[in-house]
C-alpha atoms as a PDB file:
ATOM      1  CA  MET A   1     -54.571  25.428 -43.833  1.00  0.00           C
ATOM      2  CA  ALA A   2     -51.322  25.224 -45.809  1.00  0.00           C
ATOM      3  CA  LYS A   3     -51.257  23.864 -49.337  1.00  0.00           C
ATOM      4  CA  LYS A   4     -49.756  20.368 -49.633  1.00  0.00           C
ATOM      5  CA  ILE A   5     -46.954  19.354 -52.018  1.00  0.00           C
ATOM      6  CA  LEU A   6     -46.139  15.727 -52.820  1.00  0.00           C
ATOM      7  CA  ILE A   7     -42.501  15.120 -53.728  1.00  0.00           C
ATOM      8  CA  ILE A   8     -41.845  11.948 -55.729  1.00  0.00           C
ATOM      9  CA  ASP A   9     -38.153  11.268 -56.317  1.00  0.00           C
ATOM     10  CA  ASP A  10     -35.919   8.225 -55.990  1.00  0.00           C
ATOM     11  CA  GLU A  11     -33.041  10.305 -54.604  1.00  0.00           C
ATOM     12  CA  LYS A  12     -33.400  10.744 -50.850  1.00  0.00           C
ATOM     13  CA  ASP A  13     -31.248  13.894 -50.840  1.00  0.00           C
ATOM     14  CA  MET A  14     -33.518  15.550 -53.411  1.00  0.00           C
ATOM     15  CA  ARG A  15     -36.633  14.688 -51.375  1.00  0.00           C
ATOM     16  CA  LEU A  16     -34.975  16.148 -48.284  1.00  0.00           C
ATOM     17  CA  TYR A  17     -33.851  19.292 -50.116  1.00  0.00           C
ATOM     18  CA  LEU A  18     -37.221  19.986 -51.746  1.00  0.00           C
ATOM     19  CA  GLY A  19     -39.121  19.151 -48.555  1.00  0.00           C
ATOM     20  CA  THR A  20     -37.019  21.611 -46.555  1.00  0.00           C
ATOM     21  CA  LEU A  21     -37.369  24.293 -49.217  1.00  0.00           C
ATOM     22  CA  PHE A  22     -41.151  23.940 -49.451  1.00  0.00           C
ATOM     23  CA  ARG A  23     -41.711  23.724 -45.678  1.00  0.00           C
ATOM     24  CA  LYS A  24     -39.671  26.914 -45.151  1.00  0.00           C
ATOM     25  CA  ALA A  25     -41.968  28.561 -47.710  1.00  0.00           C
ATOM     26  CA  GLY A  26     -45.007  27.541 -45.627  1.00  0.00           C
ATOM     27  CA  TYR A  27     -46.197  24.395 -47.427  1.00  0.00           C
ATOM     28  CA  ASP A  28     -46.965  20.982 -45.967  1.00  0.00           C
ATOM     29  CA  THR A  29     -45.102  18.166 -47.712  1.00  0.00           C
ATOM     30  CA  GLU A  30     -45.300  14.428 -48.233  1.00  0.00           C
ATOM     31  CA  ASP A  31     -42.766  12.371 -50.144  1.00  0.00           C
ATOM     32  CA  ALA A  32     -42.368   9.026 -51.874  1.00  0.00           C
ATOM     33  CA  PRO A  33     -39.300   7.220 -53.278  1.00  0.00           C
ATOM     34  CA  ASN A  34     -40.874   6.000 -56.536  1.00  0.00           C
ATOM     35  CA  GLY A  35     -43.825   6.491 -58.846  1.00  0.00           C
ATOM     36  CA  GLU A  36     -45.718   3.458 -57.600  1.00  0.00           C
ATOM     37  CA  GLU A  37     -45.710   4.629 -53.978  1.00  0.00           C
ATOM     38  CA  GLY A  38     -46.193   8.233 -55.060  1.00  0.00           C
ATOM     39  CA  LEU A  39     -49.416   7.499 -56.924  1.00  0.00           C
ATOM     40  CA  ALA A  40     -50.771   5.525 -53.964  1.00  0.00           C
ATOM     41  CA  LEU A  41     -49.871   8.373 -51.592  1.00  0.00           C
ATOM     42  CA  ALA A  42     -51.442  10.961 -53.913  1.00  0.00           C
ATOM     43  CA  GLU A  43     -54.778   9.181 -53.624  1.00  0.00           C
ATOM     44  CA  ILE A  44     -54.556   9.360 -49.831  1.00  0.00           C
ATOM     45  CA  CYS A  45     -53.144  12.840 -49.189  1.00  0.00           C
ATOM     46  CA  LEU A  46     -54.725  14.658 -52.199  1.00  0.00           C
ATOM     47  CA  PRO A  47     -51.867  17.130 -52.759  1.00  0.00           C
ATOM     48  CA  ASP A  48     -52.308  20.545 -54.341  1.00  0.00           C
ATOM     49  CA  LEU A  49     -49.080  20.080 -56.312  1.00  0.00           C
ATOM     50  CA  ILE A  50     -46.859  17.123 -57.221  1.00  0.00           C
ATOM     51  CA  THR A  51     -43.171  17.388 -58.071  1.00  0.00           C
ATOM     52  CA  LEU A  52     -42.198  14.325 -60.046  1.00  0.00           C
ATOM     53  CA  ASP A  53     -38.771  13.028 -61.060  1.00  0.00           C
ATOM     54  CA  VAL A  54     -38.732  11.860 -64.674  1.00  0.00           C
ATOM     55  CA  LEU A  55     -36.311   8.927 -64.347  1.00  0.00           C
ATOM     56  CA  MET A  56     -37.131   6.583 -61.466  1.00  0.00           C
ATOM     57  CA  PRO A  57     -37.643   2.882 -60.857  1.00  0.00           C
ATOM     58  CA  LYS A  58     -41.175   1.546 -60.301  1.00  0.00           C
ATOM     59  CA  GLY A  59     -43.102   4.089 -62.320  1.00  0.00           C
ATOM     60  CA  SER A  60     -41.139   6.863 -63.979  1.00  0.00           C
ATOM     61  CA  GLY A  61     -42.459  10.399 -64.112  1.00  0.00           C
ATOM     62  CA  VAL A  62     -43.016  10.012 -67.827  1.00  0.00           C
ATOM     63  CA  ARG A  63     -45.402   7.082 -67.325  1.00  0.00           C
ATOM     64  CA  ALA A  64     -47.206   8.283 -64.192  1.00  0.00           C
ATOM     65  CA  TYR A  65     -50.957   7.975 -64.558  1.00  0.00           C
END
């Protein structure tokens, strides 16, 4: 089973880029457009790694908890 990476970023192009990069490297990916949705998704998909943008609406990477 492949490791799962959760990508949380408000820029759609960055989510697409990172998702493509990680999938080509053999990882499964999930993504969310903001911190609020990202934290909710993390509880569901239990990722092995989270990439988190620092400046986003609805829960910045600095305040994610």
